Amino acid sequence: MAIVKPFKGVRPPKDLVEQVASRPYDVLNSEEARTEAEGNEKSLYHIIKPEIDFPVGKNEHDEDVYLKAVENFKKFQEKGWLVQDSKEKYYVYAQTMNGKTQYGLCVCAYVDDYMTGKIKKHELTRRDKEEDRMKHVRVNNANIEPVFFAYKHNDELDAIVAKVCAGKPEYDFIAPDGFGHTFWVIDDDATIKRITEIFATIPNMYIADGHHRSAAAALVGDEKRRQNPNHKGDEEYNYFLAVCFPDNQLNIIDYNRVVKDLNGLTDEEFLSKLAENFIVEEKGTEIYKPAKLHNFSLYLGGKWYSLTAKPGTYNDSDPIGVLDVTVSSNLILDKILGIKDLRSDKRIDFVGGIRGLGELKKRVDSGEMKVALALYPVTMQQIIDIADSGNIMPPKTTWFEPKLRSGLVIHKLN
């Protein structure tokens, strides 16, 4: 069962939240962070992207960069830009995009649940990225940014969250990207106790976004446990910061592909090879969006095409074989274009659906890329099926939006 606990959140005062809050560390590069933080000494980027406090070109993995994060975290607390709550609480964090709102509970998840697989993952992690975030957690002795979890929705939790959200929020603002962020504090002891009890009946939680942060947080917690000769099991380092959303509220958007060449084929030869496994229909110059599972959108030579996978080319009873990313990888990228490793091949790039299919057209029309392929988005149920079966999704399959805003609440490990 899922073990969660309330915690003494470290948070900005109401009037500073918009200055402190930032995008997650991994969705922008150092120069973008430098630009976004310009003129704002209170921006969380000074803690999560501390290389911005050094001259341009500074290696973000240098030891003094991590130490700068510690210095800045301490400074934020000394100046009152971040203040720790006096008692353990839960928090509700709501995000609004395109008129749709999803409501998550900010909790501390249990390190053991990650180590034993009760917190389930669907992506592989890279050790170098894990180690980077582990260093950041170690030196700050805190989870500065939360991870993004999903759980199978629970009616009673929904009712508790709805009741909390009927009250006045602690924070309520629209970020520069146009997405709304609203935050409530739960300090009623009976409600806190009941939330903990309900989570204890939920068998599993699922990492939606933030696999490297989850791994790093859990591994540091496990490391601290092994290093402490007086370890009892109730120490704060046994838990890490997560925002947990019910599965039926989450929005997963498409994650699309652009390729630099046709592997020596002409346009006509490429389309002919596609027709072996797909029903190919020309759609003209107007953008065509995939209509359903196993339908793809292709942009080539100034025209859009619909590709519908023929029966027998996919396996709907297999959690991996049913995925359109599997179908397209096997039958188009590998078989026709000769792209066998999506993680390392330089001929392919990936475009999050948040940028729209117009971005695919733009990159092909510019001559940078030769062909674009748009996929129908995966569902949360497909992610759960894969995680439950112990499988791993192919690379670049899921794109969750909106991203969690960092800096609304932080969890200290002591």
Protein backbone atom coordinates (compact mmCIF):
# COMPACT_ATOMS: atom_id res chain seq x y z
CA MET A 1 0.00 0.00 0.00
CA ALA A 2 1.16 3.57 -0.64
CA ILE A 3 2.71 5.22 2.42
CA VAL A 4 2.61 9.01 2.49
CA LYS A 5 3.07 11.57 5.24
CA PRO A 6 2.51 15.30 5.76
CA PHE A 7 5.56 17.54 6.07
CA LYS A 8 6.68 21.00 7.16
CA GLY A 9 6.79 22.65 3.76
CA VAL A 10 9.30 25.38 2.97
CA ARG A 11 7.40 27.97 0.93
CA PRO A 12 7.51 31.54 -0.31
CA PRO A 13 5.28 34.17 1.32
CA LYS A 14 2.13 34.93 -0.70
CA ASP A 15 3.42 38.19 -2.10
CA LEU A 16 6.65 36.59 -3.37
CA VAL A 17 5.41 33.35 -4.91
CA GLU A 18 5.37 34.59 -8.50
CA GLN A 19 8.94 35.88 -8.17
CA VAL A 20 10.19 32.63 -6.63
CA ALA A 21 8.30 30.03 -8.71
CA SER A 22 10.02 28.67 -11.81
CA ARG A 23 9.80 26.04 -14.47
CA PRO A 24 11.43 22.67 -13.62
CA TYR A 25 15.20 22.46 -13.99
CA ASP A 26 15.07 19.99 -16.89
CA VAL A 27 12.76 21.80 -19.32
CA LEU A 28 15.14 24.64 -20.14
CA ASN A 29 18.86 25.13 -20.63
CA SER A 30 21.24 27.35 -18.67
CA GLU A 31 20.92 30.34 -20.98
CA GLU A 32 17.13 30.20 -20.98
CA ALA A 33 17.19 30.09 -17.18
CA ARG A 34 19.61 33.03 -17.12
CA THR A 35 17.22 35.02 -19.30
CA GLU A 36 14.12 34.14 -17.27
CA ALA A 37 15.84 35.00 -13.98
CA GLU A 38 17.36 38.27 -15.22
CA GLY A 39 16.78 41.05 -12.71
CA ASN A 40 15.06 38.69 -10.25
CA GLU A 41 17.27 37.66 -7.33
CA LYS A 42 14.35 35.72 -5.82
CA SER A 43 13.96 33.31 -8.75
CA LEU A 44 14.28 29.62 -7.80
CA TYR A 45 16.60 29.24 -10.80
CA HIS A 46 19.36 30.53 -8.50
CA ILE A 47 18.93 27.26 -6.57
CA ILE A 48 17.95 24.74 -9.26
CA LYS A 49 20.10 26.23 -12.08
CA PRO A 50 22.83 27.93 -9.99
CA GLU A 51 25.23 28.06 -12.94
CA ILE A 52 23.38 31.24 -13.93
CA ASP A 53 25.27 33.00 -11.12
CA PHE A 54 28.56 32.29 -12.89
CA PRO A 55 29.92 33.65 -16.18
CA VAL A 56 28.33 32.30 -19.37
CA GLY A 57 29.73 28.90 -20.30
CA LYS A 58 30.17 27.64 -16.73
CA ASN A 59 29.81 23.86 -16.50
CA GLU A 60 26.64 23.19 -14.54
CA HIS A 61 28.20 20.03 -13.06
CA ASP A 62 31.21 21.75 -11.47
CA GLU A 63 31.46 21.29 -7.72
CA ASP A 64 31.27 25.01 -6.97
CA VAL A 65 27.97 25.21 -8.87
CA TYR A 66 26.37 22.69 -6.49
CA LEU A 67 27.81 24.63 -3.54
CA LYS A 68 26.30 27.81 -4.97
CA ALA A 69 22.89 26.12 -4.84
CA VAL A 70 23.41 25.50 -1.11
CA GLU A 71 24.53 29.07 -0.53
CA ASN A 72 21.48 30.42 -2.39
CA PHE A 73 19.04 28.08 -0.61
CA LYS A 74 20.39 29.30 2.73
CA LYS A 75 20.18 32.92 1.56
CA PHE A 76 16.54 32.52 0.45
CA GLN A 77 15.64 31.27 3.94
CA GLU A 78 17.64 33.94 5.77
CA LYS A 79 15.98 36.70 3.75
CA GLY A 80 12.50 35.25 4.27
CA TRP A 81 11.93 34.44 0.60
CA LEU A 82 11.36 30.84 1.71
CA VAL A 83 9.80 30.10 5.11
CA GLN A 84 9.19 26.71 6.74
CA ASP A 85 5.72 25.87 8.06
CA SER A 86 5.56 25.26 11.80
CA LYS A 87 3.65 21.96 11.58
CA GLU A 88 3.35 19.03 9.21
CA LYS A 89 0.72 19.61 6.53
CA TYR A 90 -0.54 18.41 3.19
CA TYR A 91 -1.13 20.79 0.31
CA VAL A 92 -3.36 20.84 -2.77
CA TYR A 93 -1.82 22.05 -6.01
CA ALA A 94 -4.13 22.73 -8.98
CA GLN A 95 -2.98 23.47 -12.52
CA THR A 96 -5.18 24.95 -15.23
CA MET A 97 -4.45 24.68 -18.96
CA ASN A 98 -6.88 25.52 -21.77
CA GLY A 99 -9.77 25.75 -19.31
CA LYS A 100 -9.12 22.30 -17.78
CA THR A 101 -7.94 21.97 -14.17
CA GLN A 102 -6.21 19.01 -12.50
CA TYR A 103 -5.88 18.76 -8.72
CA GLY A 104 -2.88 17.14 -7.04
CA LEU A 105 -1.99 16.45 -3.41
CA CYS A 106 1.51 17.51 -2.29
CA VAL A 107 2.77 14.73 -0.02
CA CYS A 108 5.92 13.05 1.10
CA ALA A 109 6.21 9.64 -0.54
CA TYR A 110 8.06 6.76 1.11
CA VAL A 111 11.56 5.84 -0.11
CA ASP A 112 10.90 2.12 0.56
CA ASP A 113 7.86 2.24 -1.75
CA TYR A 114 10.17 3.32 -4.58
CA MET A 115 12.86 0.77 -3.73
CA THR A 116 10.35 -2.11 -3.57
CA GLY A 117 8.43 -1.14 -6.70
CA LYS A 118 5.19 0.07 -5.12
CA ILE A 119 5.96 3.37 -6.79
CA LYS A 120 6.07 2.19 -10.38
CA LYS A 121 8.04 3.59 -13.28
CA HIS A 122 7.63 3.30 -17.03
CA GLU A 123 10.91 4.81 -18.26
CA LEU A 124 14.58 3.91 -18.03
CA THR A 125 16.83 6.38 -16.24
CA ARG A 126 20.41 7.36 -17.05
CA ARG A 127 22.95 7.07 -14.25
CA ASP A 128 24.64 10.40 -15.07
CA LYS A 129 21.34 12.27 -14.78
CA GLU A 130 20.50 10.43 -11.56
CA GLU A 131 23.87 11.37 -10.07
CA ASP A 132 23.43 15.04 -10.99
CA ARG A 133 20.13 15.26 -9.08
CA MET A 134 21.51 13.10 -6.24
CA LYS A 135 24.29 15.66 -5.73
CA HIS A 136 21.71 18.44 -5.71
CA VAL A 137 19.58 16.65 -3.09
CA ARG A 138 22.64 15.74 -1.00
CA VAL A 139 24.19 19.19 -0.82
CA ASN A 140 20.91 20.99 -0.12
CA ASN A 141 19.66 18.23 2.19
CA ALA A 142 16.26 18.86 0.60
CA ASN A 143 13.98 17.95 -2.26
CA ILE A 144 13.84 21.38 -3.88
CA GLU A 145 11.54 20.22 -6.71
CA PRO A 146 8.68 17.71 -6.52
CA VAL A 147 8.12 14.68 -8.69
CA PHE A 148 4.84 14.11 -10.55
CA PHE A 149 2.91 10.97 -9.54
CA ALA A 150 -0.41 9.50 -10.59
CA TYR A 151 -2.70 7.17 -8.66
CA LYS A 152 -5.93 5.39 -9.54
CA HIS A 153 -8.58 7.90 -8.60
CA ASN A 154 -10.36 7.59 -5.27
CA ASP A 155 -13.79 9.14 -4.66
CA GLU A 156 -13.16 10.03 -1.04
CA LEU A 157 -9.88 11.76 -1.83
CA ASP A 158 -11.65 13.65 -4.63
CA ALA A 159 -14.27 14.80 -2.11
CA ILE A 160 -11.64 15.93 0.41
CA VAL A 161 -9.76 17.87 -2.26
CA ALA A 162 -13.00 19.48 -3.49
CA LYS A 163 -13.84 20.60 0.05
CA VAL A 164 -10.36 22.08 0.54
CA CYS A 165 -10.53 23.89 -2.79
CA ALA A 166 -13.85 25.50 -1.85
CA GLY A 167 -11.82 27.58 0.59
CA LYS A 168 -9.50 30.48 -0.14
CA PRO A 169 -6.22 29.48 -1.81
CA GLU A 170 -2.81 30.37 -0.44
CA TYR A 171 -1.46 31.09 -3.92
CA ASP A 172 -3.33 31.81 -7.14
CA PHE A 173 -1.47 33.10 -10.20
CA ILE A 174 -0.99 32.70 -13.92
CA ALA A 175 2.58 31.92 -14.98
CA PRO A 176 4.21 33.58 -18.01
CA ASP A 177 3.29 30.55 -20.16
CA GLY A 178 -0.40 31.26 -19.54
CA PHE A 179 -1.03 28.26 -17.26
CA GLY A 180 -2.80 28.79 -13.94
CA HIS A 181 -1.37 27.61 -10.63
CA THR A 182 -3.46 27.51 -7.43
CA PHE A 183 -2.33 26.18 -4.05
CA TRP A 184 -4.14 25.43 -0.79
CA VAL A 185 -2.74 24.48 2.63
CA ILE A 186 -4.35 21.60 4.58
CA ASP A 187 -3.70 22.06 8.29
CA ASP A 188 -6.77 20.39 9.80
CA ASP A 189 -5.49 17.39 11.79
CA ALA A 190 -8.49 15.16 11.10
CA THR A 191 -8.25 15.78 7.35
CA ILE A 192 -4.50 15.15 7.37
CA LYS A 193 -5.01 11.87 9.22
CA ARG A 194 -7.72 10.74 6.80
CA ILE A 195 -5.62 11.52 3.71
CA THR A 196 -2.82 9.37 5.12
CA GLU A 197 -5.29 6.54 5.82
CA ILE A 198 -6.81 6.64 2.33
CA PHE A 199 -3.43 6.52 0.60
CA ALA A 200 -2.65 3.43 2.71
CA THR A 201 -5.47 1.66 0.81
CA ILE A 202 -4.08 2.57 -2.63
CA PRO A 203 -1.87 -0.28 -3.86
CA ASN A 204 0.49 1.66 -6.10
CA MET A 205 1.53 5.05 -7.32
CA TYR A 206 2.93 5.71 -10.77
CA ILE A 207 5.67 8.10 -11.82
CA ALA A 208 4.13 10.25 -14.52
CA ASP A 209 6.95 12.76 -14.95
CA GLY A 210 10.28 13.08 -13.16
CA HIS A 211 11.85 9.61 -13.29
CA HIS A 212 15.36 10.97 -12.64
CA ARG A 213 14.22 13.16 -9.74
CA SER A 214 12.34 10.19 -8.24
CA ALA A 215 15.37 7.91 -8.53
CA ALA A 216 17.70 10.55 -7.10
CA ALA A 217 15.44 11.38 -4.16
CA ALA A 218 14.90 7.74 -3.24
CA LEU A 219 18.57 6.79 -3.66
CA VAL A 220 19.75 9.65 -1.43
CA GLY A 221 17.17 8.66 1.19
CA ASP A 222 18.40 5.07 1.05
CA GLU A 223 22.00 6.28 1.22
CA LYS A 224 21.30 8.35 4.35
CA ARG A 225 19.60 5.38 5.97
CA ARG A 226 22.62 3.16 5.40
CA GLN A 227 25.01 5.85 6.66
CA ASN A 228 23.10 6.42 9.91
CA PRO A 229 24.08 3.88 12.63
CA ASN A 230 21.13 5.09 14.72
CA HIS A 231 18.57 4.82 11.92
CA LYS A 232 15.05 4.28 13.32
CA GLY A 233 12.87 4.55 10.20
CA ASP A 234 10.91 7.69 11.01
CA GLU A 235 13.56 10.17 9.89
CA GLU A 236 12.57 12.78 7.33
CA TYR A 237 15.10 11.45 4.80
CA ASN A 238 12.92 8.33 4.48
CA TYR A 239 10.48 10.43 2.44
CA PHE A 240 10.62 12.62 -0.66
CA LEU A 241 8.45 15.32 -2.21
CA ALA A 242 5.73 14.37 -4.71
CA VAL A 243 2.56 15.85 -6.16
CA CYS A 244 0.02 13.05 -6.70
CA PHE A 245 -2.79 13.41 -9.23
CA PRO A 246 -5.74 11.08 -9.84
CA ASP A 247 -5.25 9.24 -13.12
CA ASN A 248 -8.56 10.39 -14.61
CA GLN A 249 -7.57 14.06 -14.49
CA LEU A 250 -4.21 13.93 -16.24
CA ASN A 251 -3.55 15.31 -19.69
CA ILE A 252 -1.00 13.49 -21.86
CA ILE A 253 -0.24 15.04 -25.21
CA ASP A 254 1.46 13.71 -28.30
CA TYR A 255 5.23 13.39 -28.64
CA ASN A 256 6.19 13.64 -32.29
CA ARG A 257 9.18 12.88 -34.52
CA VAL A 258 11.11 14.72 -37.24
CA VAL A 259 13.76 13.00 -39.38
CA LYS A 260 16.57 14.58 -41.43
CA ASP A 261 16.49 12.27 -44.48
CA LEU A 262 14.65 9.38 -46.13
CA ASN A 263 17.56 6.93 -45.89
CA GLY A 264 18.37 7.32 -49.61
CA LEU A 265 14.78 6.97 -50.82
CA THR A 266 12.82 9.37 -53.01
CA ASP A 267 9.51 10.69 -51.68
CA GLU A 268 7.65 8.29 -53.95
CA GLU A 269 9.73 5.27 -52.90
CA PHE A 270 9.22 6.16 -49.23
CA LEU A 271 5.43 6.44 -49.64
CA SER A 272 5.39 3.17 -51.56
CA LYS A 273 7.21 1.36 -48.76
CA LEU A 274 4.80 2.88 -46.21
CA ALA A 275 1.88 1.43 -48.17
CA GLU A 276 3.07 -2.10 -47.36
CA ASN A 277 1.94 -1.74 -43.72
CA PHE A 278 -0.26 1.37 -43.74
CA ILE A 279 -3.27 2.71 -45.60
CA VAL A 280 -1.80 5.94 -46.98
CA GLU A 281 -4.16 8.83 -47.79
CA GLU A 282 -3.03 12.22 -49.05
CA LYS A 283 -4.71 15.04 -47.07
CA GLY A 284 -3.36 18.10 -48.88
CA THR A 285 -1.75 21.20 -47.40
CA GLU A 286 -4.01 21.66 -44.35
CA ILE A 287 -2.57 20.29 -41.11
CA TYR A 288 -3.84 16.77 -40.42
CA LYS A 289 -3.97 15.52 -36.82
CA PRO A 290 -4.11 11.79 -36.00
CA ALA A 291 -7.73 10.85 -35.29
CA LYS A 292 -7.34 7.73 -33.15
CA LEU A 293 -4.98 4.99 -31.99
CA HIS A 294 -2.99 3.44 -34.88
CA ASN A 295 -3.59 6.48 -37.08
CA PHE A 296 -0.57 8.68 -37.82
CA SER A 297 0.00 12.02 -39.46
CA LEU A 298 2.89 12.41 -41.92
CA TYR A 299 4.24 15.64 -43.40
CA LEU A 300 6.42 15.32 -46.49
CA GLY A 301 7.08 17.54 -49.48
CA GLY A 302 4.59 20.21 -48.47
CA LYS A 303 1.72 17.72 -48.07
CA TRP A 304 0.04 15.99 -45.12
CA TYR A 305 -0.82 12.30 -45.19
CA SER A 306 -2.93 10.01 -43.02
CA LEU A 307 -1.30 6.67 -42.23
CA THR A 308 -3.51 3.96 -40.76
CA ALA A 309 -1.73 0.83 -39.58
CA LYS A 310 -3.11 -2.32 -41.22
CA PRO A 311 -4.50 -5.11 -39.01
CA GLY A 312 -1.75 -7.47 -37.96
CA THR A 313 0.89 -4.76 -37.68
CA TYR A 314 0.14 -4.14 -34.00
CA ASN A 315 -0.81 -6.25 -30.99
CA ASP A 316 -3.58 -4.74 -28.88
CA SER A 317 -3.23 -7.45 -26.25
CA ASP A 318 0.41 -6.53 -25.55
CA PRO A 319 1.00 -3.37 -23.43
CA ILE A 320 4.06 -2.48 -25.54
CA GLY A 321 2.86 -3.80 -28.90
CA VAL A 322 -0.31 -1.70 -28.76
CA LEU A 323 1.62 1.57 -28.54
CA ASP A 324 1.81 3.70 -31.65
CA VAL A 325 5.37 4.63 -30.71
CA THR A 326 6.19 0.90 -31.05
CA VAL A 327 4.36 0.58 -34.38
CA SER A 328 6.04 3.66 -35.85
CA SER A 329 9.47 2.77 -34.47
CA ASN A 330 9.37 -0.76 -35.88
CA LEU A 331 7.64 -0.21 -39.22
CA ILE A 332 8.78 3.28 -40.21
CA LEU A 333 11.83 4.49 -38.30
CA ASP A 334 13.66 1.16 -38.17
CA LYS A 335 12.40 -0.83 -41.15
CA ILE A 336 12.32 1.99 -43.71
CA LEU A 337 14.51 4.81 -42.39
CA GLY A 338 17.16 2.69 -40.67
CA ILE A 339 16.88 4.46 -37.29
CA LYS A 340 17.41 1.74 -34.70
CA ASP A 341 18.26 3.65 -31.51
CA LEU A 342 15.98 6.58 -30.76
CA ARG A 343 18.17 7.66 -27.84
CA SER A 344 21.38 8.13 -29.81
CA ASP A 345 20.65 8.49 -33.55
CA LYS A 346 21.43 12.06 -34.66
CA ARG A 347 19.10 11.87 -37.68
CA ILE A 348 15.98 12.07 -35.53
CA ASP A 349 14.61 14.71 -33.18
CA PHE A 350 11.49 14.91 -31.00
CA VAL A 351 8.88 17.63 -30.69
CA GLY A 352 6.43 17.85 -27.80
CA GLY A 353 2.82 18.23 -28.90
CA ILE A 354 2.51 21.39 -26.79
CA ARG A 355 4.27 23.13 -29.70
CA GLY A 356 1.55 22.05 -32.13
CA LEU A 357 1.79 20.30 -35.49
CA GLY A 358 2.67 23.64 -37.07
CA GLU A 359 6.12 23.22 -35.51
CA LEU A 360 6.56 19.96 -37.46
CA LYS A 361 5.62 21.71 -40.71
CA LYS A 362 7.99 24.57 -39.92
CA ARG A 363 10.97 22.29 -39.33
CA VAL A 364 10.37 20.37 -42.56
CA ASP A 365 9.62 23.45 -44.69
CA SER A 366 12.83 25.11 -43.44
CA GLY A 367 14.86 22.25 -44.92
CA GLU A 368 16.25 21.31 -41.51
CA MET A 369 14.21 18.10 -41.58
CA LYS A 370 12.88 16.01 -44.45
CA VAL A 371 9.82 14.35 -42.91
CA ALA A 372 7.65 14.66 -39.80
CA LEU A 373 5.52 12.06 -38.06
CA ALA A 374 2.79 12.88 -35.54
CA LEU A 375 1.40 10.24 -33.17
CA TYR A 376 -1.87 9.88 -31.32
CA PRO A 377 -1.13 10.44 -27.60
CA VAL A 378 -0.87 7.51 -25.22
CA THR A 379 -3.42 7.21 -22.43
CA MET A 380 -2.83 7.09 -18.69
CA GLN A 381 -4.28 3.57 -18.70
CA GLN A 382 -1.62 2.46 -21.20
CA ILE A 383 1.08 3.85 -18.90
CA ILE A 384 -0.44 2.03 -15.92
CA ASP A 385 -0.68 -1.23 -17.90
CA ILE A 386 2.99 -0.99 -18.86
CA ALA A 387 4.13 -0.14 -15.33
CA ASP A 388 1.98 -2.92 -13.84
CA SER A 389 3.43 -5.46 -16.28
CA GLY A 390 6.99 -4.45 -15.37
CA ASN A 391 7.70 -3.20 -18.87
CA ILE A 392 9.44 0.00 -19.92
CA MET A 393 8.02 2.40 -22.49
CA PRO A 394 10.02 3.14 -25.63
CA PRO A 395 11.92 6.45 -25.54
CA LYS A 396 10.08 9.75 -26.06
CA THR A 397 6.57 8.38 -25.61
CA THR A 398 4.85 10.60 -23.06
CA TRP A 399 4.59 14.35 -22.71
CA PHE A 400 2.69 15.59 -19.66
CA GLU A 401 1.46 19.16 -19.69
CA PRO A 402 1.29 21.42 -17.80
CA LYS A 403 4.57 20.86 -15.97
CA LEU A 404 4.71 21.30 -12.21
CA ARG A 405 5.85 24.76 -11.17
CA SER A 406 8.87 24.52 -8.89
CA GLY A 407 9.22 26.59 -5.73
CA LEU A 408 5.65 26.40 -4.41
CA VAL A 409 6.77 24.00 -1.68
CA ILE A 410 10.09 22.37 -0.74
CA HIS A 411 10.81 19.40 1.54
CA LYS A 412 13.81 19.39 3.91
CA LEU A 413 15.38 16.04 4.74
CA ASN A 414 16.12 16.89 8.39
